[in-house]
N, C-alpha and C. Protein backbone atom coordinates (compact mmCIF):
# COMPACT_ATOMS: atom_id res chain seq x y z
N MET A 1 -83.67 -25.59 -8.75
CA MET A 1 -82.64 -25.70 -7.59
C MET A 1 -82.52 -27.06 -7.24
N ARG A 2 -81.25 -27.42 -6.99
CA ARG A 2 -80.99 -28.85 -6.54
C ARG A 2 -80.87 -28.84 -5.07
N THR A 3 -81.26 -30.00 -4.29
CA THR A 3 -81.00 -30.06 -2.87
C THR A 3 -80.01 -31.29 -2.56
N ILE A 4 -79.23 -31.09 -1.62
CA ILE A 4 -78.30 -32.06 -1.23
C ILE A 4 -78.78 -32.56 0.25
N SER A 5 -79.42 -33.68 0.36
CA SER A 5 -80.03 -34.30 1.59
C SER A 5 -79.66 -35.44 1.91
N ASN A 6 -79.88 -35.86 3.21
CA ASN A 6 -79.80 -37.14 3.71
C ASN A 6 -80.97 -38.13 3.26
N LYS A 7 -80.55 -39.38 2.81
CA LYS A 7 -81.57 -40.16 2.00
C LYS A 7 -82.34 -41.00 3.13
N MET A 8 -82.77 -40.42 4.47
CA MET A 8 -83.40 -41.12 5.33
C MET A 8 -84.83 -41.34 5.01
N LYS A 9 -85.59 -42.45 5.58
CA LYS A 9 -86.81 -42.68 5.29
C LYS A 9 -87.81 -42.20 6.37
N ALA A 10 -87.23 -41.84 7.53
CA ALA A 10 -88.09 -41.35 8.73
C ALA A 10 -87.93 -39.71 8.55
N PRO A 11 -89.12 -39.12 8.25
CA PRO A 11 -88.92 -37.61 8.06
C PRO A 11 -88.80 -36.90 9.43
N PHE A 12 -89.34 -37.40 10.51
CA PHE A 12 -89.09 -36.83 12.01
C PHE A 12 -87.51 -36.80 12.17
N LEU A 13 -86.89 -37.90 12.03
CA LEU A 13 -85.56 -38.09 12.13
C LEU A 13 -84.77 -37.06 11.16
N THR A 14 -85.19 -36.99 10.19
CA THR A 14 -84.44 -36.03 9.22
C THR A 14 -84.67 -34.41 9.68
N SER A 15 -85.71 -34.30 10.15
CA SER A 15 -85.99 -32.87 10.74
C SER A 15 -85.17 -32.59 11.80
N ILE A 16 -84.96 -33.71 12.69
CA ILE A 16 -84.29 -33.45 14.15
C ILE A 16 -82.63 -33.36 13.56
N LEU A 17 -82.33 -34.12 12.56
CA LEU A 17 -80.92 -34.08 12.15
C LEU A 17 -80.56 -32.54 11.49
N ASN A 18 -81.60 -32.09 10.78
CA ASN A 18 -81.36 -30.81 10.15
C ASN A 18 -81.27 -29.62 11.15
N LEU A 19 -82.18 -29.74 12.23
CA LEU A 19 -82.25 -28.82 13.27
C LEU A 19 -80.97 -28.98 14.06
N SER A 20 -80.44 -30.08 14.30
CA SER A 20 -79.24 -30.30 15.04
C SER A 20 -77.93 -29.65 14.37
N GLY A 21 -78.05 -29.86 13.02
CA GLY A 21 -77.08 -29.25 11.98
C GLY A 21 -77.21 -27.82 12.10
N GLY A 22 -78.25 -27.15 12.09
CA GLY A 22 -78.37 -25.88 12.27
C GLY A 22 -77.82 -25.28 13.56
N ILE A 23 -78.18 -26.05 14.66
CA ILE A 23 -77.65 -25.79 15.90
C ILE A 23 -76.03 -25.70 15.99
N PHE A 24 -75.53 -26.77 15.23
CA PHE A 24 -74.12 -27.03 15.00
C PHE A 24 -73.47 -25.66 14.47
N LEU A 25 -74.17 -25.47 13.38
CA LEU A 25 -73.74 -24.28 12.26
C LEU A 25 -73.62 -22.97 13.22
N LYS A 26 -74.73 -22.67 13.99
CA LYS A 26 -74.89 -21.36 14.71
C LYS A 26 -73.88 -21.36 15.87
N THR A 27 -73.69 -22.65 16.35
CA THR A 27 -72.65 -22.73 17.65
C THR A 27 -71.24 -22.44 17.20
N VAL A 28 -70.83 -23.47 16.37
CA VAL A 28 -69.41 -23.56 15.84
C VAL A 28 -69.09 -22.64 14.89
N LYS A 29 -70.02 -22.30 13.97
CA LYS A 29 -69.62 -21.15 12.85
C LYS A 29 -68.54 -21.70 12.01
N PRO A 30 -68.61 -22.68 11.39
CA PRO A 30 -67.48 -23.19 10.39
C PRO A 30 -67.49 -22.38 9.20
N PHE A 31 -68.45 -21.75 8.82
CA PHE A 31 -68.37 -20.58 7.74
C PHE A 31 -69.36 -19.59 7.80
N LYS A 32 -69.22 -18.56 7.06
CA LYS A 32 -70.17 -17.37 7.12
C LYS A 32 -70.75 -17.17 5.78
N THR A 33 -71.72 -16.25 5.64
CA THR A 33 -72.22 -16.03 4.37
C THR A 33 -71.09 -15.27 3.53
N GLY A 34 -70.83 -15.83 2.16
CA GLY A 34 -69.78 -15.28 1.29
C GLY A 34 -68.61 -16.29 1.29
N ASP A 35 -68.62 -17.13 2.39
CA ASP A 35 -67.34 -18.02 2.34
C ASP A 35 -67.55 -19.02 1.01
N PHE A 36 -66.37 -19.40 0.68
CA PHE A 36 -66.33 -20.43 -0.33
C PHE A 36 -66.04 -21.79 0.13
N ILE A 37 -67.09 -22.67 0.05
CA ILE A 37 -66.92 -24.04 0.79
C ILE A 37 -67.15 -25.22 -0.16
N GLU A 38 -66.78 -26.51 0.30
CA GLU A 38 -66.97 -27.78 -0.44
C GLU A 38 -67.77 -28.50 0.61
N ILE A 39 -68.87 -29.06 0.23
CA ILE A 39 -69.61 -30.10 1.05
C ILE A 39 -70.13 -31.06 0.21
N ASP A 40 -69.57 -32.05 0.60
CA ASP A 40 -69.89 -33.60 -0.39
C ASP A 40 -69.61 -33.45 -1.66
N GLY A 41 -68.56 -32.81 -2.09
CA GLY A 41 -68.26 -32.67 -3.55
C GLY A 41 -68.84 -31.45 -4.16
N GLU A 42 -69.85 -30.75 -3.76
CA GLU A 42 -70.27 -29.53 -4.13
C GLU A 42 -69.50 -28.45 -3.75
N ILE A 43 -69.10 -27.51 -4.65
CA ILE A 43 -68.32 -26.28 -4.21
C ILE A 43 -69.21 -25.15 -4.64
N GLY A 44 -69.17 -24.04 -3.60
CA GLY A 44 -69.82 -23.09 -3.98
C GLY A 44 -69.67 -22.02 -2.92
N SER A 45 -70.29 -20.76 -3.09
CA SER A 45 -70.24 -19.62 -2.13
C SER A 45 -71.52 -19.68 -1.35
N VAL A 46 -71.49 -19.50 0.01
CA VAL A 46 -72.61 -19.63 0.93
C VAL A 46 -73.38 -18.21 0.74
N THR A 47 -74.62 -18.60 0.17
CA THR A 47 -75.56 -17.23 0.00
C THR A 47 -76.37 -17.08 1.29
N SER A 48 -76.63 -18.10 1.99
CA SER A 48 -77.79 -18.11 3.14
C SER A 48 -77.60 -19.24 3.98
N SER A 49 -77.99 -19.13 5.28
CA SER A 49 -78.06 -20.31 6.15
C SER A 49 -78.99 -20.04 7.36
N ASN A 50 -79.96 -21.08 7.58
CA ASN A 50 -80.84 -20.84 8.52
C ASN A 50 -80.71 -22.07 9.41
N TRP A 51 -81.91 -22.34 10.38
CA TRP A 51 -81.71 -23.59 11.22
C TRP A 51 -81.97 -24.88 10.65
N ILE A 52 -82.45 -24.91 9.27
CA ILE A 52 -82.72 -26.16 8.78
C ILE A 52 -81.95 -26.55 7.46
N ASN A 53 -81.60 -25.54 6.72
CA ASN A 53 -80.72 -25.65 5.55
C ASN A 53 -79.91 -24.49 5.15
N SER A 54 -79.04 -24.61 4.35
CA SER A 54 -78.07 -23.52 3.81
C SER A 54 -78.17 -23.64 2.34
N GLU A 55 -77.77 -22.40 1.77
CA GLU A 55 -77.93 -22.40 0.36
C GLU A 55 -76.51 -21.89 -0.28
N ILE A 56 -76.00 -22.59 -1.27
CA ILE A 56 -74.63 -22.23 -1.82
C ILE A 56 -74.99 -22.05 -3.36
N LYS A 57 -74.28 -21.00 -3.90
CA LYS A 57 -74.19 -20.72 -5.34
C LYS A 57 -72.77 -21.32 -5.93
N THR A 58 -72.95 -22.42 -6.75
CA THR A 58 -71.90 -22.91 -7.48
C THR A 58 -71.21 -22.21 -8.26
N ILE A 59 -70.06 -22.63 -8.75
CA ILE A 59 -69.15 -21.75 -9.85
C ILE A 59 -69.97 -21.44 -11.06
N ASP A 60 -70.82 -22.49 -11.42
CA ASP A 60 -71.52 -22.36 -12.72
C ASP A 60 -72.65 -21.44 -12.44
N GLY A 61 -72.98 -21.06 -11.21
CA GLY A 61 -74.22 -20.03 -11.04
C GLY A 61 -75.34 -20.72 -10.42
N GLU A 62 -75.39 -22.07 -10.39
CA GLU A 62 -76.66 -22.84 -9.77
C GLU A 62 -76.76 -22.61 -8.34
N LYS A 63 -77.95 -22.49 -8.00
CA LYS A 63 -78.21 -22.47 -6.49
C LYS A 63 -78.55 -23.94 -6.05
N VAL A 64 -77.86 -24.38 -4.89
CA VAL A 64 -77.92 -25.75 -4.34
C VAL A 64 -78.24 -25.48 -2.85
N LEU A 65 -79.61 -26.10 -2.60
CA LEU A 65 -79.88 -26.03 -1.07
C LEU A 65 -79.42 -27.44 -0.44
N VAL A 66 -78.82 -27.07 0.85
CA VAL A 66 -78.01 -28.09 1.53
C VAL A 66 -78.73 -28.33 2.74
N ASP A 67 -79.25 -29.52 2.98
CA ASP A 67 -79.86 -29.73 4.36
C ASP A 67 -78.66 -29.72 5.46
N ASN A 68 -78.86 -29.01 6.42
CA ASN A 68 -78.00 -28.85 7.56
C ASN A 68 -77.43 -30.16 8.13
N SER A 69 -78.17 -31.26 7.92
CA SER A 69 -77.57 -32.42 8.54
C SER A 69 -76.32 -32.93 7.69
N GLN A 70 -76.26 -32.45 6.66
CA GLN A 70 -75.02 -32.70 5.73
C GLN A 70 -73.75 -32.22 6.30
N PHE A 71 -73.88 -31.11 7.09
CA PHE A 71 -72.69 -30.49 7.73
C PHE A 71 -72.23 -31.38 9.05
N LEU A 72 -73.32 -32.31 9.50
CA LEU A 72 -73.06 -33.14 10.61
C LEU A 72 -72.38 -34.35 10.07
N LEU A 73 -73.06 -34.90 8.93
CA LEU A 73 -72.73 -36.19 8.37
C LEU A 73 -71.79 -36.30 7.34
N GLY A 74 -71.62 -35.10 6.56
CA GLY A 74 -70.63 -35.12 5.23
C GLY A 74 -69.32 -34.68 5.57
N THR A 75 -68.72 -34.22 4.74
CA THR A 75 -67.37 -33.56 4.83
C THR A 75 -67.33 -32.16 4.30
N LEU A 76 -67.16 -31.23 5.13
CA LEU A 76 -67.04 -29.71 4.90
C LEU A 76 -65.66 -29.26 5.00
N ASN A 77 -65.39 -28.62 3.75
CA ASN A 77 -64.03 -27.78 3.79
C ASN A 77 -64.34 -26.23 3.47
N ASN A 78 -64.11 -25.43 4.31
CA ASN A 78 -64.20 -24.07 4.27
C ASN A 78 -62.97 -23.54 3.44
N LEU A 79 -63.03 -23.39 2.08
CA LEU A 79 -61.76 -22.97 1.31
C LEU A 79 -61.51 -21.61 1.46
N SER A 80 -62.40 -20.68 1.92
CA SER A 80 -62.01 -19.45 2.17
C SER A 80 -60.98 -19.41 3.37
N ASP A 81 -61.35 -20.08 4.40
CA ASP A 81 -60.43 -20.21 5.53
C ASP A 81 -58.84 -20.72 5.19
N LYS A 82 -59.13 -21.75 4.28
CA LYS A 82 -57.82 -22.41 3.94
C LYS A 82 -56.97 -21.88 2.77
N ASN A 83 -57.78 -20.98 2.01
CA ASN A 83 -57.15 -20.49 0.71
C ASN A 83 -56.63 -21.46 -0.03
N ILE A 84 -57.41 -22.57 -0.28
CA ILE A 84 -57.38 -23.54 -1.10
C ILE A 84 -58.41 -23.81 -2.20
N ILE A 85 -58.19 -24.44 -3.36
CA ILE A 85 -59.27 -24.75 -4.22
C ILE A 85 -58.86 -26.04 -4.92
N ARG A 86 -59.93 -26.71 -5.50
CA ARG A 86 -59.87 -27.91 -6.19
C ARG A 86 -59.66 -27.76 -7.68
N LEU A 87 -58.65 -28.48 -8.33
CA LEU A 87 -58.55 -28.41 -9.69
C LEU A 87 -59.42 -29.58 -10.16
N GLU A 88 -59.86 -29.36 -11.57
CA GLU A 88 -60.50 -30.58 -12.22
C GLU A 88 -59.68 -30.92 -13.48
N LEU A 89 -59.24 -32.02 -13.54
CA LEU A 89 -58.37 -32.54 -14.74
C LEU A 89 -59.11 -33.58 -15.34
N LYS A 90 -59.33 -33.65 -16.58
CA LYS A 90 -60.13 -34.69 -17.34
C LYS A 90 -59.19 -35.30 -18.32
N LEU A 91 -59.26 -36.76 -18.45
CA LEU A 91 -58.58 -37.47 -19.47
C LEU A 91 -59.27 -38.54 -19.74
N ASN A 92 -58.91 -39.24 -20.90
CA ASN A 92 -59.57 -40.32 -21.37
C ASN A 92 -58.47 -41.60 -21.45
N VAL A 93 -58.86 -42.79 -21.09
CA VAL A 93 -58.04 -43.88 -20.97
C VAL A 93 -58.74 -45.10 -21.55
N CYS A 94 -57.96 -45.69 -22.61
CA CYS A 94 -58.58 -46.85 -23.08
C CYS A 94 -59.03 -48.07 -22.26
N TYR A 95 -60.10 -48.54 -22.72
CA TYR A 95 -60.70 -49.67 -21.83
C TYR A 95 -59.58 -50.86 -21.62
N SER A 96 -58.62 -51.03 -22.49
CA SER A 96 -57.70 -52.16 -22.50
C SER A 96 -56.77 -52.05 -21.29
N GLU A 97 -56.64 -50.84 -20.78
CA GLU A 97 -55.76 -50.62 -19.56
C GLU A 97 -56.17 -51.17 -18.37
N ASN A 98 -55.15 -51.41 -17.56
CA ASN A 98 -55.53 -51.92 -15.98
C ASN A 98 -55.89 -50.63 -15.24
N MET A 99 -57.28 -50.40 -14.94
CA MET A 99 -57.58 -49.23 -14.29
C MET A 99 -57.03 -48.98 -12.85
N ALA A 100 -56.87 -50.13 -12.30
CA ALA A 100 -56.24 -49.88 -11.05
C ALA A 100 -54.76 -49.48 -11.09
N LEU A 101 -54.16 -49.70 -11.89
CA LEU A 101 -52.69 -49.29 -12.29
C LEU A 101 -52.75 -47.90 -12.81
N VAL A 102 -53.71 -47.54 -13.53
CA VAL A 102 -53.90 -46.24 -14.01
C VAL A 102 -54.01 -45.32 -12.80
N LYS A 103 -54.95 -45.80 -11.89
CA LYS A 103 -55.27 -44.98 -10.73
C LYS A 103 -54.00 -44.75 -9.79
N GLU A 104 -53.27 -45.81 -9.50
CA GLU A 104 -52.00 -45.80 -8.85
C GLU A 104 -51.09 -44.89 -9.43
N THR A 105 -50.95 -44.89 -10.86
CA THR A 105 -49.91 -43.89 -11.53
C THR A 105 -50.43 -42.66 -11.44
N ILE A 106 -51.65 -42.32 -11.53
CA ILE A 106 -52.03 -40.99 -11.28
C ILE A 106 -51.69 -40.51 -10.05
N TYR A 107 -51.98 -41.24 -9.00
CA TYR A 107 -51.72 -40.82 -7.70
C TYR A 107 -50.14 -40.68 -7.32
N ALA A 108 -49.41 -41.38 -7.94
CA ALA A 108 -47.97 -41.33 -8.00
C ALA A 108 -47.48 -39.94 -8.69
N PHE A 109 -48.16 -39.66 -9.74
CA PHE A 109 -47.87 -38.39 -10.36
C PHE A 109 -48.29 -37.19 -9.46
N LEU A 110 -49.26 -37.32 -8.81
CA LEU A 110 -49.81 -36.17 -7.97
C LEU A 110 -48.88 -35.97 -6.80
N LYS A 111 -48.44 -37.14 -6.34
CA LYS A 111 -47.52 -37.08 -5.12
C LYS A 111 -46.18 -36.37 -5.45
N GLU A 112 -45.95 -36.51 -6.70
CA GLU A 112 -44.57 -35.79 -7.06
C GLU A 112 -44.55 -34.41 -7.31
N GLN A 113 -46.05 -33.87 -7.46
CA GLN A 113 -46.16 -32.41 -7.70
C GLN A 113 -46.16 -31.63 -6.26
N THR A 114 -45.21 -30.82 -6.24
CA THR A 114 -44.98 -30.06 -4.82
C THR A 114 -46.13 -29.02 -4.60
N SER A 115 -46.70 -28.55 -5.65
CA SER A 115 -47.96 -27.72 -5.43
C SER A 115 -49.13 -28.36 -5.14
N ILE A 116 -49.34 -29.65 -5.32
CA ILE A 116 -50.58 -30.29 -4.96
C ILE A 116 -50.58 -30.55 -3.42
N LEU A 117 -51.73 -30.37 -2.78
CA LEU A 117 -51.69 -30.49 -1.33
C LEU A 117 -52.04 -32.06 -1.09
N LYS A 118 -51.64 -32.40 0.06
CA LYS A 118 -51.87 -33.87 0.53
C LYS A 118 -53.22 -33.88 1.20
N SER A 119 -53.80 -32.73 1.77
CA SER A 119 -54.98 -32.87 2.33
C SER A 119 -55.82 -31.55 1.91
N PRO A 120 -56.84 -31.68 1.61
CA PRO A 120 -57.82 -32.79 1.27
C PRO A 120 -57.27 -33.61 0.20
N LYS A 121 -57.60 -34.96 0.30
CA LYS A 121 -57.18 -36.00 -0.59
C LYS A 121 -57.67 -35.68 -2.06
N SER A 122 -56.75 -35.91 -2.91
CA SER A 122 -57.29 -35.94 -4.29
C SER A 122 -58.15 -37.18 -4.65
N ARG A 123 -59.05 -36.88 -5.63
CA ARG A 123 -60.06 -38.00 -5.99
C ARG A 123 -59.83 -38.40 -7.38
N ILE A 124 -60.22 -39.42 -7.81
CA ILE A 124 -60.25 -39.88 -9.19
C ILE A 124 -61.72 -40.67 -9.51
N GLU A 125 -62.37 -40.02 -10.32
CA GLU A 125 -63.70 -40.85 -10.65
C GLU A 125 -64.04 -40.84 -12.06
N VAL A 126 -64.77 -41.96 -12.39
CA VAL A 126 -65.27 -42.20 -13.83
C VAL A 126 -66.38 -41.26 -14.08
N ILE A 127 -66.36 -40.37 -15.08
CA ILE A 127 -67.57 -39.56 -15.40
C ILE A 127 -68.20 -39.81 -16.68
N LYS A 128 -67.62 -40.50 -17.59
CA LYS A 128 -68.31 -40.95 -18.95
C LYS A 128 -67.53 -42.00 -19.47
N LEU A 129 -68.56 -43.01 -20.12
CA LEU A 129 -67.97 -44.11 -20.80
C LEU A 129 -68.15 -43.72 -22.27
N HIS A 130 -66.99 -43.86 -23.02
CA HIS A 130 -67.03 -43.61 -24.53
C HIS A 130 -66.90 -44.85 -25.19
N GLU A 131 -66.99 -44.74 -26.44
CA GLU A 131 -66.97 -46.03 -27.46
C GLU A 131 -65.75 -46.85 -26.98
N ASN A 132 -64.51 -46.32 -26.93
CA ASN A 132 -63.29 -46.87 -26.82
C ASN A 132 -62.45 -46.63 -25.58
N SER A 133 -63.02 -45.57 -24.73
CA SER A 133 -62.43 -45.33 -23.61
C SER A 133 -63.24 -44.86 -22.49
N VAL A 134 -62.61 -44.67 -21.33
CA VAL A 134 -63.39 -44.32 -20.10
C VAL A 134 -62.73 -42.73 -19.94
N GLU A 135 -63.74 -42.01 -19.42
CA GLU A 135 -63.23 -40.57 -19.17
C GLU A 135 -63.25 -40.39 -17.65
N LEU A 136 -61.96 -39.95 -17.25
CA LEU A 136 -61.85 -39.88 -15.67
C LEU A 136 -61.62 -38.34 -15.47
N LYS A 137 -62.11 -38.13 -14.11
CA LYS A 137 -62.04 -36.62 -13.66
C LYS A 137 -61.06 -36.86 -12.24
N VAL A 138 -60.07 -36.26 -12.43
CA VAL A 138 -59.05 -36.22 -11.23
C VAL A 138 -59.16 -34.92 -10.60
N THR A 139 -59.22 -34.84 -9.24
CA THR A 139 -59.59 -33.49 -8.52
C THR A 139 -58.60 -33.37 -7.44
N PRO A 140 -57.25 -32.98 -7.65
CA PRO A 140 -56.39 -32.61 -6.64
C PRO A 140 -56.69 -31.31 -6.16
N TRP A 141 -56.12 -30.97 -4.96
CA TRP A 141 -56.29 -29.41 -4.31
C TRP A 141 -54.97 -28.81 -4.26
N CYS A 142 -54.97 -27.59 -4.45
CA CYS A 142 -53.79 -26.59 -4.51
C CYS A 142 -54.13 -25.26 -3.66
N LEU A 143 -53.01 -24.49 -3.30
CA LEU A 143 -53.31 -23.27 -2.69
C LEU A 143 -53.91 -22.42 -3.87
N LEU A 144 -54.81 -21.45 -3.48
CA LEU A 144 -55.43 -20.55 -4.55
C LEU A 144 -54.33 -19.76 -5.37
N ASP A 145 -53.20 -19.38 -4.68
CA ASP A 145 -52.08 -18.73 -5.37
C ASP A 145 -51.41 -19.56 -6.57
N HIS A 146 -51.62 -20.84 -6.59
CA HIS A 146 -51.13 -21.68 -7.66
C HIS A 146 -52.05 -22.16 -8.65
N PHE A 147 -53.24 -21.89 -8.44
CA PHE A 147 -54.34 -22.23 -9.19
C PHE A 147 -54.19 -22.13 -10.66
N LEU A 148 -54.05 -20.91 -11.17
CA LEU A 148 -53.97 -20.52 -12.64
C LEU A 148 -52.85 -21.18 -13.17
N GLU A 149 -51.66 -21.26 -12.66
CA GLU A 149 -50.57 -21.83 -13.25
C GLU A 149 -50.94 -23.49 -13.31
N LEU A 150 -51.25 -24.17 -12.20
CA LEU A 150 -51.51 -25.51 -12.39
C LEU A 150 -52.85 -25.84 -13.37
N ASP A 151 -53.90 -25.09 -13.36
CA ASP A 151 -54.99 -25.17 -14.23
C ASP A 151 -54.49 -25.32 -15.62
N TYR A 152 -53.56 -24.44 -15.89
CA TYR A 152 -53.07 -24.30 -17.38
C TYR A 152 -52.45 -25.53 -17.68
N LYS A 153 -51.38 -26.01 -16.82
CA LYS A 153 -50.63 -27.05 -17.50
C LYS A 153 -50.65 -28.36 -16.72
N LEU A 154 -51.27 -28.66 -15.55
CA LEU A 154 -51.21 -29.95 -15.04
C LEU A 154 -51.90 -30.92 -15.76
N GLU A 155 -52.99 -30.68 -16.38
CA GLU A 155 -53.74 -31.71 -17.28
C GLU A 155 -52.83 -32.22 -18.32
N THR A 156 -52.20 -31.28 -18.94
CA THR A 156 -51.30 -31.78 -20.16
C THR A 156 -50.07 -32.63 -19.51
N ALA A 157 -49.68 -32.25 -18.39
CA ALA A 157 -48.54 -32.83 -17.87
C ALA A 157 -48.96 -34.27 -17.48
N LEU A 158 -50.01 -34.38 -16.86
CA LEU A 158 -50.55 -35.75 -16.46
C LEU A 158 -50.78 -36.74 -17.78
N HIS A 159 -51.29 -36.08 -18.79
CA HIS A 159 -51.67 -36.84 -19.99
C HIS A 159 -50.20 -37.25 -20.49
N LYS A 160 -49.20 -36.50 -20.67
CA LYS A 160 -47.74 -36.80 -21.08
C LYS A 160 -47.24 -37.95 -20.02
N TYR A 161 -47.47 -37.86 -18.82
CA TYR A 161 -46.85 -38.69 -18.03
C TYR A 161 -47.30 -40.09 -18.12
N LEU A 162 -48.65 -40.21 -18.34
CA LEU A 162 -49.41 -41.60 -18.66
C LEU A 162 -48.91 -42.17 -19.84
N ILE A 163 -48.70 -41.32 -20.76
CA ILE A 163 -48.37 -41.95 -22.22
C ILE A 163 -46.77 -42.39 -21.94
N GLU A 164 -45.95 -41.78 -21.23
CA GLU A 164 -44.61 -42.00 -21.05
C GLU A 164 -44.45 -43.41 -20.19
N LYS A 165 -45.44 -43.64 -19.43
CA LYS A 165 -45.59 -44.89 -18.60
C LYS A 165 -46.18 -45.98 -19.42
N GLY A 166 -46.51 -45.72 -20.57
CA GLY A 166 -46.96 -46.80 -21.58
C GLY A 166 -48.54 -46.85 -21.59
N PHE A 167 -49.26 -46.03 -20.97
CA PHE A 167 -50.69 -46.23 -21.30
C PHE A 167 -51.36 -45.62 -22.45
N LYS A 168 -52.31 -46.48 -22.89
CA LYS A 168 -52.95 -45.94 -24.28
C LYS A 168 -53.93 -44.81 -23.92
N MET A 169 -53.88 -43.70 -24.56
CA MET A 169 -54.72 -42.76 -24.36
C MET A 169 -55.28 -42.28 -25.73
N PRO A 170 -56.69 -42.36 -26.01
CA PRO A 170 -57.09 -41.84 -27.33
C PRO A 170 -56.83 -40.46 -27.45
N ILE A 171 -56.65 -40.09 -28.81
CA ILE A 171 -56.54 -38.50 -28.89
C ILE A 171 -57.88 -37.97 -29.14
N SER A 172 -58.21 -36.84 -28.50
CA SER A 172 -59.57 -36.18 -28.57
C SER A 172 -59.64 -35.44 -29.98
N LYS A 173 -60.68 -34.97 -30.19
CA LYS A 173 -60.83 -34.19 -31.51
C LYS A 173 -60.25 -32.96 -31.33
N GLU A 174 -60.34 -32.34 -30.16
CA GLU A 174 -59.85 -30.91 -29.86
C GLU A 174 -58.21 -31.19 -30.10
N ALA A 175 -57.63 -32.32 -29.45
CA ALA A 175 -56.11 -32.37 -29.47
C ALA A 175 -55.79 -32.60 -30.97
N PHE A 176 -56.57 -33.24 -31.85
CA PHE A 176 -56.15 -33.59 -33.17
C PHE A 176 -56.40 -32.17 -34.04
N ILE A 177 -57.28 -31.40 -33.78
CA ILE A 177 -57.40 -30.01 -34.41
C ILE A 177 -56.11 -29.31 -34.00
N GLU A 178 -55.84 -29.19 -32.69
CA GLU A 178 -54.71 -28.51 -32.22
C GLU A 178 -53.32 -28.87 -32.89
N VAL A 179 -53.03 -30.32 -32.86
CA VAL A 179 -52.00 -30.73 -33.54
C VAL A 179 -51.88 -30.54 -35.19
N ARG A 180 -52.99 -30.58 -35.73
CA ARG A 180 -53.24 -30.18 -37.28
C ARG A 180 -52.80 -28.62 -37.42
N GLU A 181 -53.31 -27.85 -36.43
CA GLU A 181 -53.13 -26.31 -36.56
C GLU A 181 -51.71 -25.91 -36.54
N THR A 182 -50.89 -26.75 -35.66
CA THR A 182 -49.50 -26.35 -35.40
C THR A 182 -48.54 -27.05 -36.52
N ALA A 183 -49.18 -27.91 -37.16
CA ALA A 183 -48.33 -28.59 -38.29
C ALA A 183 -48.25 -27.91 -39.53
């Protein structure tokens, strides 16, 4: 089981912050057991909560223990209340590309998509470095009702959009096999 905690050096202060977070959760009640939440990039269903920490079960089934201080210091989104969900789009871009321009172009693409929410904000992060390219993860948000449709076609549409804008994107083995099968 992983733990999401504050990286403070003073154990006493950490305990006080966790207890304060517990009081906050019991008073404000930003979520209840069973709610689907995102806290500092971790998405999962709340399985339990006490005065010191809370436990969520991620989509992959992993249990994550979250110090209650994170609910005071981090960013919490109760997805059950908002009926929203985060998409995960992955793509590879050649090292020769201007990454700032790639990022700007991806945000422009997302802004054009009417089904993508403006808040919470979309994020772009590097997740892996390959021999000739960098693998990016793009995480926009949408209404739960639009998830299946967008999950199915948004990654392909973004890939085509970047190619149309002149960016070099290596072909993955999966895409090569798919092209060969249709030929």
